[in-house]
Amino acid sequence: MELNKNTVFITGGASGIGLALAGEFLKSENTVIICGRNPDKLELAKERYPSLYTIRCDVSKMSEVHQTLEEIKSEFDGLNILVNNAGIQYIFDFYEDENSIEKIDKEIDINFRAIVHLSKLFLPILNKAKEAAIINVSSFLGIVPKKSAPGYCATKAALHAFSKSLRYQLEDSSVKVFEIITPLVDTEMTRGREDDLKKITPESLAKEVFRSLKSDKLEIR
């Protein structure tokens, strides 16, 4: 797809993969809107990329998602790319951790349920564009899970299946559904992991994603 002069909305865009993707989109003369929960991180992102538009929004809270949607509709014309990037991961033992259910519920809310809601809410806008995209940031852990993060791995597996099904349903529309199946990326989420040498930078991932988007590679690994 064409990657210049689009209007792009990125969830979880204040750091890590989301911010790196925002930077790549900005290089190609796109209008980029990011959202995040932490106002300090949003401010730092704005300092790094002054042309960014920032919105404070917790995607697990539907009232804030609806408010963000209305703000985007009123302030920006022609939104045509939605990047579902926001995510969290908890490391825990499902049986031993007394808070395991609460942790999985939170992971489901942010890593899966929010993406389903955002996709549904933004599709009427995306469908108006000549060319549009939903880009879901998934993980190889949704395909090959690790034992220490049962909730995270399950939500990414669900997102992988949802992305494929939605892609099939929208194949006759102007909306393409991309899935970024990320490797181990050096972000706050992976900080402290022993296998640091295997990590790639968010910026390296973003560049590879851009090459794949340009060639319409719908499943990006």
C-alpha atoms as a PDB file:
ATOM      1  CA  MET A   1       0.000   0.000   0.000  1.00  0.00           C
ATOM      2  CA  GLU A   2       0.966   3.630  -0.349  1.00  0.00           C
ATOM      3  CA  LEU A   3       2.730   4.833   2.785  1.00  0.00           C
ATOM      4  CA  ASN A   4       2.745   8.568   2.335  1.00  0.00           C
ATOM      5  CA  LYS A   5       0.121  11.231   3.005  1.00  0.00           C
ATOM      6  CA  ASN A   6      -2.031   8.931   5.140  1.00  0.00           C
ATOM      7  CA  THR A   7      -3.674   9.715   8.460  1.00  0.00           C
ATOM      8  CA  VAL A   8      -2.536   7.145  11.010  1.00  0.00           C
ATOM      9  CA  PHE A   9      -3.733   6.346  14.546  1.00  0.00           C
ATOM     10  CA  ILE A  10      -1.396   4.256  16.722  1.00  0.00           C
ATOM     11  CA  THR A  11      -2.415   2.906  20.129  1.00  0.00           C
ATOM     12  CA  GLY A  12       0.333   2.529  22.695  1.00  0.00           C
ATOM     13  CA  GLY A  13       2.348   4.914  20.575  1.00  0.00           C
ATOM     14  CA  ALA A  14       4.329   6.755  23.244  1.00  0.00           C
ATOM     15  CA  SER A  15       7.207   4.280  23.478  1.00  0.00           C
ATOM     16  CA  GLY A  16       8.696   1.096  22.091  1.00  0.00           C
ATOM     17  CA  ILE A  17       7.333  -0.381  18.879  1.00  0.00           C
ATOM     18  CA  GLY A  18       4.487   2.124  18.668  1.00  0.00           C
ATOM     19  CA  LEU A  19       6.785   5.142  18.823  1.00  0.00           C
ATOM     20  CA  ALA A  20       9.214   3.589  16.330  1.00  0.00           C
ATOM     21  CA  LEU A  21       6.352   3.011  13.891  1.00  0.00           C
ATOM     22  CA  ALA A  22       5.193   6.591  14.437  1.00  0.00           C
ATOM     23  CA  GLY A  23       8.663   7.811  13.521  1.00  0.00           C
ATOM     24  CA  GLU A  24       8.681   5.800  10.291  1.00  0.00           C
ATOM     25  CA  PHE A  25       5.248   7.071   9.287  1.00  0.00           C
ATOM     26  CA  LEU A  26       6.315  10.662   9.966  1.00  0.00           C
ATOM     27  CA  LYS A  27       9.301  10.279   7.631  1.00  0.00           C
ATOM     28  CA  SER A  28       6.862   9.659   4.775  1.00  0.00           C
ATOM     29  CA  GLU A  29       4.725  12.784   5.238  1.00  0.00           C
ATOM     30  CA  ASN A  30       1.903  11.074   7.089  1.00  0.00           C
ATOM     31  CA  THR A  31      -0.279  12.665   9.749  1.00  0.00           C
ATOM     32  CA  VAL A  32       0.302  10.573  12.867  1.00  0.00           C
ATOM     33  CA  ILE A  33      -1.859  10.453  15.991  1.00  0.00           C
ATOM     34  CA  ILE A  34      -0.755   8.383  18.966  1.00  0.00           C
ATOM     35  CA  CYS A  35      -2.497   7.515  22.203  1.00  0.00           C
ATOM     36  CA  GLY A  36      -1.257   6.191  25.513  1.00  0.00           C
ATOM     37  CA  ARG A  37      -2.096   6.040  29.200  1.00  0.00           C
ATOM     38  CA  ASN A  38       0.914   7.932  30.546  1.00  0.00           C
ATOM     39  CA  PRO A  39       0.854  11.711  29.945  1.00  0.00           C
ATOM     40  CA  ASP A  40       4.571  12.034  30.732  1.00  0.00           C
ATOM     41  CA  LYS A  41       5.481   9.504  28.040  1.00  0.00           C
ATOM     42  CA  LEU A  42       3.179  11.243  25.575  1.00  0.00           C
ATOM     43  CA  GLU A  43       4.945  14.523  26.308  1.00  0.00           C
ATOM     44  CA  LEU A  44       8.355  12.916  25.740  1.00  0.00           C
ATOM     45  CA  ALA A  45       7.135  11.433  22.457  1.00  0.00           C
ATOM     46  CA  LYS A  46       5.958  14.880  21.384  1.00  0.00           C
ATOM     47  CA  GLU A  47       9.358  16.345  22.258  1.00  0.00           C
ATOM     48  CA  ARG A  48      11.050  13.715  20.105  1.00  0.00           C
ATOM     49  CA  TYR A  49       8.625  14.148  17.199  1.00  0.00           C
ATOM     50  CA  PRO A  50       7.053  17.635  17.401  1.00  0.00           C
ATOM     51  CA  SER A  51       4.662  16.946  14.511  1.00  0.00           C
ATOM     52  CA  LEU A  52       2.991  14.100  16.421  1.00  0.00           C
ATOM     53  CA  TYR A  53      -0.564  14.512  17.685  1.00  0.00           C
ATOM     54  CA  THR A  54      -1.073  12.935  21.111  1.00  0.00           C
ATOM     55  CA  ILE A  55      -4.203  11.806  22.945  1.00  0.00           C
ATOM     56  CA  ARG A  56      -4.345  10.379  26.449  1.00  0.00           C
ATOM     57  CA  CYS A  57      -6.422   7.198  26.313  1.00  0.00           C
ATOM     58  CA  ASP A  58      -6.544   3.888  28.160  1.00  0.00           C
ATOM     59  CA  VAL A  59      -7.778   1.481  25.473  1.00  0.00           C
ATOM     60  CA  SER A  60      -9.138  -0.912  28.098  1.00  0.00           C
ATOM     61  CA  LYS A  61     -11.715   1.750  29.085  1.00  0.00           C
ATOM     62  CA  MET A  62     -14.420   1.977  26.447  1.00  0.00           C
ATOM     63  CA  SER A  63     -15.554   5.434  27.556  1.00  0.00           C
ATOM     64  CA  GLU A  64     -12.074   6.768  26.770  1.00  0.00           C
ATOM     65  CA  VAL A  65     -11.960   4.876  23.460  1.00  0.00           C
ATOM     66  CA  HIS A  66     -15.284   6.402  22.374  1.00  0.00           C
ATOM     67  CA  GLN A  67     -14.094   9.859  23.426  1.00  0.00           C
ATOM     68  CA  THR A  68     -10.890   9.376  21.419  1.00  0.00           C
ATOM     69  CA  LEU A  69     -12.863   8.261  18.376  1.00  0.00           C
ATOM     70  CA  GLU A  70     -15.019  11.391  18.510  1.00  0.00           C
ATOM     71  CA  GLU A  71     -11.943  13.597  18.931  1.00  0.00           C
ATOM     72  CA  ILE A  72     -10.278  12.050  15.888  1.00  0.00           C
ATOM     73  CA  LYS A  73     -13.451  12.346  13.800  1.00  0.00           C
ATOM     74  CA  SER A  74     -13.801  16.031  14.657  1.00  0.00           C
ATOM     75  CA  GLU A  75     -10.128  17.018  14.333  1.00  0.00           C
ATOM     76  CA  PHE A  76      -8.815  14.910  11.450  1.00  0.00           C
ATOM     77  CA  ASP A  77     -10.080  14.171   7.968  1.00  0.00           C
ATOM     78  CA  GLY A  78      -9.580  10.877   6.229  1.00  0.00           C
ATOM     79  CA  LEU A  79      -8.154   8.559   8.879  1.00  0.00           C
ATOM     80  CA  ASN A  80      -7.185   5.469   6.909  1.00  0.00           C
ATOM     81  CA  ILE A  81      -4.678   3.501   9.002  1.00  0.00           C
ATOM     82  CA  LEU A  82      -5.339   2.035  12.462  1.00  0.00           C
ATOM     83  CA  VAL A  83      -2.360   0.473  14.242  1.00  0.00           C
ATOM     84  CA  ASN A  84      -3.426  -1.672  17.200  1.00  0.00           C
ATOM     85  CA  ASN A  85      -0.177  -1.745  19.142  1.00  0.00           C
ATOM     86  CA  ALA A  86      -1.033  -1.250  22.842  1.00  0.00           C
ATOM     87  CA  GLY A  87      -0.233  -4.304  24.920  1.00  0.00           C
ATOM     88  CA  ILE A  88       0.855  -5.562  28.333  1.00  0.00           C
ATOM     89  CA  GLN A  89       2.500  -8.730  29.609  1.00  0.00           C
ATOM     90  CA  TYR A  90       2.571 -10.248  33.083  1.00  0.00           C
ATOM     91  CA  ILE A  91       5.000 -12.961  34.134  1.00  0.00           C
ATOM     92  CA  PHE A  92       3.381 -15.306  36.649  1.00  0.00           C
ATOM     93  CA  ASP A  93       2.585 -18.883  37.610  1.00  0.00           C
ATOM     94  CA  PHE A  94      -1.085 -19.498  36.872  1.00  0.00           C
ATOM     95  CA  TYR A  95      -1.601 -21.877  39.820  1.00  0.00           C
ATOM     96  CA  GLU A  96       0.661 -20.280  42.428  1.00  0.00           C
ATOM     97  CA  ASP A  97      -0.114 -16.589  41.828  1.00  0.00           C
ATOM     98  CA  GLU A  98      -3.244 -15.595  43.751  1.00  0.00           C
ATOM     99  CA  ASN A  99      -3.795 -12.696  41.326  1.00  0.00           C
ATOM    100  CA  SER A 100      -3.421 -14.737  38.135  1.00  0.00           C
ATOM    101  CA  ILE A 101      -7.054 -14.295  37.059  1.00  0.00           C
ATOM    102  CA  GLU A 102      -6.934 -10.529  37.511  1.00  0.00           C
ATOM    103  CA  LYS A 103      -3.717 -10.380  35.479  1.00  0.00           C
ATOM    104  CA  ILE A 104      -5.152 -12.450  32.643  1.00  0.00           C
ATOM    105  CA  ASP A 105      -8.335 -10.350  32.639  1.00  0.00           C
ATOM    106  CA  LYS A 106      -6.212  -7.208  32.209  1.00  0.00           C
ATOM    107  CA  GLU A 107      -4.195  -8.802  29.413  1.00  0.00           C
ATOM    108  CA  ILE A 108      -7.391  -9.843  27.644  1.00  0.00           C
ATOM    109  CA  ASP A 109      -8.815  -6.330  28.022  1.00  0.00           C
ATOM    110  CA  ILE A 110      -5.809  -4.578  26.485  1.00  0.00           C
ATOM    111  CA  ASN A 111      -4.248  -7.187  24.189  1.00  0.00           C
ATOM    112  CA  PHE A 112      -7.424  -8.540  22.615  1.00  0.00           C
ATOM    113  CA  ARG A 113     -10.763  -7.041  23.620  1.00  0.00           C
ATOM    114  CA  ALA A 114      -9.608  -3.455  23.004  1.00  0.00           C
ATOM    115  CA  ILE A 115      -8.386  -4.385  19.520  1.00  0.00           C
ATOM    116  CA  VAL A 116     -11.725  -5.975  18.649  1.00  0.00           C
ATOM    117  CA  HIS A 117     -13.599  -2.881  19.846  1.00  0.00           C
ATOM    118  CA  LEU A 118     -11.246  -0.431  18.123  1.00  0.00           C
ATOM    119  CA  SER A 119     -11.469  -2.343  14.852  1.00  0.00           C
ATOM    120  CA  LYS A 120     -15.264  -2.356  14.993  1.00  0.00           C
ATOM    121  CA  LEU A 121     -15.489   1.339  15.904  1.00  0.00           C
ATOM    122  CA  PHE A 122     -12.990   2.563  13.307  1.00  0.00           C
ATOM    123  CA  LEU A 123     -14.068   0.377  10.379  1.00  0.00           C
ATOM    124  CA  PRO A 124     -16.847   2.773   9.251  1.00  0.00           C
ATOM    125  CA  ILE A 125     -14.191   5.501   8.933  1.00  0.00           C
ATOM    126  CA  LEU A 126     -11.618   3.241   7.289  1.00  0.00           C
ATOM    127  CA  ASN A 127     -14.165   1.948   4.786  1.00  0.00           C
ATOM    128  CA  LYS A 128     -14.598   5.456   3.390  1.00  0.00           C
ATOM    129  CA  ALA A 129     -10.969   5.588   2.260  1.00  0.00           C
ATOM    130  CA  LYS A 130      -9.785   4.507  -1.168  1.00  0.00           C
ATOM    131  CA  GLU A 131      -7.041   2.499   0.542  1.00  0.00           C
ATOM    132  CA  ALA A 132      -7.001   1.682   4.248  1.00  0.00           C
ATOM    133  CA  ALA A 133      -5.431  -0.692   6.733  1.00  0.00           C
ATOM    134  CA  ILE A 134      -5.787  -2.241  10.151  1.00  0.00           C
ATOM    135  CA  ILE A 135      -2.331  -3.195  11.430  1.00  0.00           C
ATOM    136  CA  ASN A 136      -2.344  -5.510  14.450  1.00  0.00           C
ATOM    137  CA  VAL A 137       0.867  -5.899  16.439  1.00  0.00           C
ATOM    138  CA  SER A 138       1.003  -9.523  17.507  1.00  0.00           C
ATOM    139  CA  SER A 139       3.871 -11.735  18.701  1.00  0.00           C
ATOM    140  CA  PHE A 140       5.614 -14.990  17.866  1.00  0.00           C
ATOM    141  CA  LEU A 141       4.569 -16.009  21.400  1.00  0.00           C
ATOM    142  CA  GLY A 142       1.039 -16.358  20.045  1.00  0.00           C
ATOM    143  CA  ILE A 143       2.355 -19.169  17.860  1.00  0.00           C
ATOM    144  CA  VAL A 144       5.094 -20.625  20.083  1.00  0.00           C
ATOM    145  CA  PRO A 145       4.100 -19.796  23.687  1.00  0.00           C
ATOM    146  CA  LYS A 146       6.434 -19.582  26.673  1.00  0.00           C
ATOM    147  CA  LYS A 147       5.472 -21.052  30.028  1.00  0.00           C
ATOM    148  CA  SER A 148       6.009 -17.885  32.087  1.00  0.00           C
ATOM    149  CA  ALA A 149       3.352 -15.746  30.342  1.00  0.00           C
ATOM    150  CA  PRO A 150       0.223 -17.865  29.826  1.00  0.00           C
ATOM    151  CA  GLY A 151      -2.176 -14.930  29.564  1.00  0.00           C
ATOM    152  CA  TYR A 152      -0.060 -12.892  27.163  1.00  0.00           C
ATOM    153  CA  CYS A 153       0.578 -15.852  24.874  1.00  0.00           C
ATOM    154  CA  ALA A 154      -3.118 -16.734  24.806  1.00  0.00           C
ATOM    155  CA  THR A 155      -4.161 -13.189  23.901  1.00  0.00           C
ATOM    156  CA  LYS A 156      -1.625 -13.040  21.070  1.00  0.00           C
ATOM    157  CA  ALA A 157      -2.858 -16.400  19.764  1.00  0.00           C
ATOM    158  CA  ALA A 158      -6.395 -15.001  19.799  1.00  0.00           C
ATOM    159  CA  LEU A 159      -5.214 -11.866  17.990  1.00  0.00           C
ATOM    160  CA  HIS A 160      -3.476 -13.987  15.341  1.00  0.00           C
ATOM    161  CA  ALA A 161      -6.710 -15.885  14.640  1.00  0.00           C
ATOM    162  CA  PHE A 162      -8.828 -12.722  14.713  1.00  0.00           C
ATOM    163  CA  SER A 163      -6.499 -10.966  12.270  1.00  0.00           C
ATOM    164  CA  LYS A 164      -6.709 -13.834   9.781  1.00  0.00           C
ATOM    165  CA  SER A 165     -10.496 -14.109  10.017  1.00  0.00           C
ATOM    166  CA  LEU A 166     -11.022 -10.359   9.700  1.00  0.00           C
ATOM    167  CA  ARG A 167      -8.652 -10.284   6.714  1.00  0.00           C
ATOM    168  CA  TYR A 168     -10.820 -12.864   4.948  1.00  0.00           C
ATOM    169  CA  GLN A 169     -14.015 -10.958   5.758  1.00  0.00           C
ATOM    170  CA  LEU A 170     -12.622  -7.673   4.431  1.00  0.00           C
ATOM    171  CA  GLU A 171     -10.817  -9.019   1.363  1.00  0.00           C
ATOM    172  CA  ASP A 172     -13.365  -7.448  -1.011  1.00  0.00           C
ATOM    173  CA  SER A 173     -13.194  -4.050   0.716  1.00  0.00           C
ATOM    174  CA  SER A 174     -10.636  -1.238   0.625  1.00  0.00           C
ATOM    175  CA  VAL A 175      -9.349  -2.249   4.077  1.00  0.00           C
ATOM    176  CA  LYS A 176      -6.326  -4.537   4.284  1.00  0.00           C
ATOM    177  CA  VAL A 177      -5.614  -6.348   7.549  1.00  0.00           C
ATOM    178  CA  PHE A 178      -1.919  -6.689   8.383  1.00  0.00           C
ATOM    179  CA  GLU A 179      -0.449  -8.602  11.306  1.00  0.00           C
ATOM    180  CA  ILE A 180       3.024  -7.902  12.649  1.00  0.00           C
ATOM    181  CA  ILE A 181       4.213 -11.100  14.337  1.00  0.00           C
ATOM    182  CA  THR A 182       7.023  -9.567  16.346  1.00  0.00           C
ATOM    183  CA  PRO A 183      10.220 -11.319  17.401  1.00  0.00           C
ATOM    184  CA  LEU A 184      11.956 -10.415  20.662  1.00  0.00           C
ATOM    185  CA  VAL A 185      12.129  -6.608  20.621  1.00  0.00           C
ATOM    186  CA  ASP A 186      14.058  -4.406  23.057  1.00  0.00           C
ATOM    187  CA  THR A 187      11.229  -2.570  24.840  1.00  0.00           C
ATOM    188  CA  GLU A 188      10.156  -1.861  28.405  1.00  0.00           C
ATOM    189  CA  MET A 189       8.158  -5.097  28.290  1.00  0.00           C
ATOM    190  CA  THR A 190      11.267  -7.217  27.652  1.00  0.00           C
ATOM    191  CA  ARG A 191      13.690  -5.264  29.823  1.00  0.00           C
ATOM    192  CA  GLY A 192      15.651  -7.499  32.185  1.00  0.00           C
ATOM    193  CA  ARG A 193      15.376 -10.586  29.986  1.00  0.00           C
ATOM    194  CA  GLU A 194      18.567 -12.654  29.969  1.00  0.00           C
ATOM    195  CA  ASP A 195      18.580 -13.144  26.183  1.00  0.00           C
ATOM    196  CA  ASP A 196      19.404  -9.495  25.402  1.00  0.00           C
ATOM    197  CA  LEU A 197      21.662 -10.469  22.492  1.00  0.00           C
ATOM    198  CA  LYS A 198      18.662 -11.889  20.613  1.00  0.00           C
ATOM    199  CA  LYS A 199      16.668  -8.663  20.826  1.00  0.00           C
ATOM    200  CA  ILE A 200      16.204  -6.310  17.907  1.00  0.00           C
ATOM    201  CA  THR A 201      15.544  -2.603  18.300  1.00  0.00           C
ATOM    202  CA  PRO A 202      12.063  -1.154  17.784  1.00  0.00           C
ATOM    203  CA  GLU A 203      13.528   1.024  15.024  1.00  0.00           C
ATOM    204  CA  SER A 204      14.880  -2.008  13.141  1.00  0.00           C
ATOM    205  CA  LEU A 205      11.500  -3.686  13.389  1.00  0.00           C
ATOM    206  CA  ALA A 206       9.710  -0.546  12.194  1.00  0.00           C
ATOM    207  CA  LYS A 207      11.916  -0.320   9.091  1.00  0.00           C
ATOM    208  CA  GLU A 208      11.236  -3.970   8.243  1.00  0.00           C
ATOM    209  CA  VAL A 209       7.515  -3.444   8.794  1.00  0.00           C
ATOM    210  CA  PHE A 210       7.545  -0.508   6.389  1.00  0.00           C
ATOM    211  CA  ARG A 211       9.217  -2.572   3.682  1.00  0.00           C
ATOM    212  CA  SER A 212       6.588  -5.273   4.144  1.00  0.00           C
ATOM    213  CA  LEU A 213       3.663  -2.840   4.144  1.00  0.00           C
ATOM    214  CA  LYS A 214       4.861  -1.335   0.869  1.00  0.00           C
ATOM    215  CA  SER A 215       4.805  -4.766  -0.757  1.00  0.00           C
ATOM    216  CA  ASP A 216       1.419  -5.679   0.784  1.00  0.00           C
ATOM    217  CA  LYS A 217       2.860  -8.533   2.827  1.00  0.00           C
ATOM    218  CA  LEU A 218      -0.153  -9.091   5.057  1.00  0.00           C
ATOM    219  CA  GLU A 219       1.521 -11.341   7.641  1.00  0.00           C
ATOM    220  CA  ILE A 220       4.808  -9.756   8.665  1.00  0.00           C
ATOM    221  CA  ARG A 221       7.336 -11.935  10.487  1.00  0.00           C
END
